[in-house]
Amino acid sequence: MNNFLFFVRIFGLSGLFRLKTYLYASIMTDYQVHTLPNGIRILFKHAASTITHCCFVVNAGSRDELEHQTGLAHFIEHLLFKETERRSTNQILNRLELVGADLNAYTTKEYTCIHASLLNQHLERTIDLFEDILFHSTFPEDEQEKERGVILDEISSYLDQPEEAIQDDFEELLFKGHPIGNNILGTPETVAKLNTADINQFIGANYNTSEMVFAVFGDYAFKKVIKLAEKYFGPILANHTKKHRITPAEIFSTKSVVAKPISQTHCIIGSRAYSSSHQHKNGLLLLNNLLGGMGMSSRLNLEIREKYGIAYTVESNYTPLTDTGIFSIYFGTDSEKAEKATKLVHKELKKLRDNKLGTLQLHQAKEKFIGQIALAEENRMSLIISMAKSLLDFNYVDTLQEVFDKINAVTAVQLLEISNEIFDNDRMITLLFEPKQ
């Protein structure tokens, strides 16, 4: 299935996405939670609208795959939309489309998410379908072969897009030898070998009912949402299997240059970063936004694109995971300009390491960031998914004011400390895709 656009620099492939993570923080002001006896949590936020957005998020992603199973979580996501015990593929695909609703899904390093947007009167129809595909899919062999071919085509298409492929190759360097570094799509070799036994093993080991959240953003009484959830999700047998995620070991700075049949040079410079629960996460989110985040006024964009005109796209990203994080700067440019662009990137990083932000600079950075977060509340699907993930990770969802307070509490001294840790040259990994000579 095609991936969901979530304030994101798209990976360009189904089930692959990357957050513009300065908007990752949950920003709800009010919500309600109910836990079913089997551990599945129901998250609800009221909205006076004729449209409902809902999602079902499972705390299981590509990092949970065994060594020979690379691509399995994404493979399962595809197969969930095929046959179930009581529906054919066409019946699944038409169940919501026939009433004008939108159904989709994606897979990340740590999550599998199914989501839908629909008219309010079709909530029960949607919950019924979610329950069916998540807990009663049959994964028939013929459908496995079809989706195997689809995913192999995805991989080939993805490899033809260097601006997308470089991000995953960079993460492979950054987490060398660890499942986090694996491509979510897998490789042609691993995808070709995935089978029913792998599917059943992965679901049994990772689809823990206590690590599932069904979230609804719509115009209902919470009692109605609970009643429907109990009807469809209540009978699901509890699975409390505990997963054991291994934190990646430290790595050393390295530079890799890969020749490819491309016309431009593509570059990523970055390092390991803070986890989603780290005390400095909000400081790095703020720094990332200042350096290369959303909008044309970021430092990297002003310096590299506006001042020198040597790169059409230059941006930075910070993705916090549960036990680590990813910070990266990407640009693409003509080969003869790549060295200059690289020097300018390091120049901006050095400024942040050497110079504490002034009072006005810090205030402006916070105002910009807070404004962007407030505007993000308009994207209701993004918001309800973010809430569900926050509930999974922290068993809590920050209010909008709490998010603002955390950002405003960041000091210039803390930003200097963060810059000297995360932007340290000895931590940096550099990957270049260069045109073949």
Foldseek 3Di string as FASTA:
>chain_A
DQDDDFCWDQLQFAQDTDHLCLLLAFAAADWDWDAFPLQEIEIEDEDPDQKKKKKKKFFAAQLQADPLQAQVVVLLLVQLLADFPPDGNVCLVCLQVVQPKDWGWHGARTMTMIMIMHGPVCPLSVLQSVLGSVPTGDSDPVVLVVVLVVLQVRVVVSVVDCQSVVVLVLLCVQQPPGSNSGDNNHDNVSSVPDDPVSNVVRCLQGRASSLMYMYMYYHDDVVVVVVSCCVRVNPDHGRHHDGDRDAGDADWADEAEAADADQWKKKKKFFKAAAPPDLCPLLVSLVQCQAFHDDCNRPLNCPCCVPPNFFPDWGWGWAHHHGIIIIMIITIGHPVCVVVSVVVSLVVLVCQLPDQDDPVRLVVSLVVSLVVNVVSVVVPNSNRVSQSVCCSRPVDHDHNVRSSVSNVPDHSVSSNVRSCVGVPNGRMYMYMYHHDD
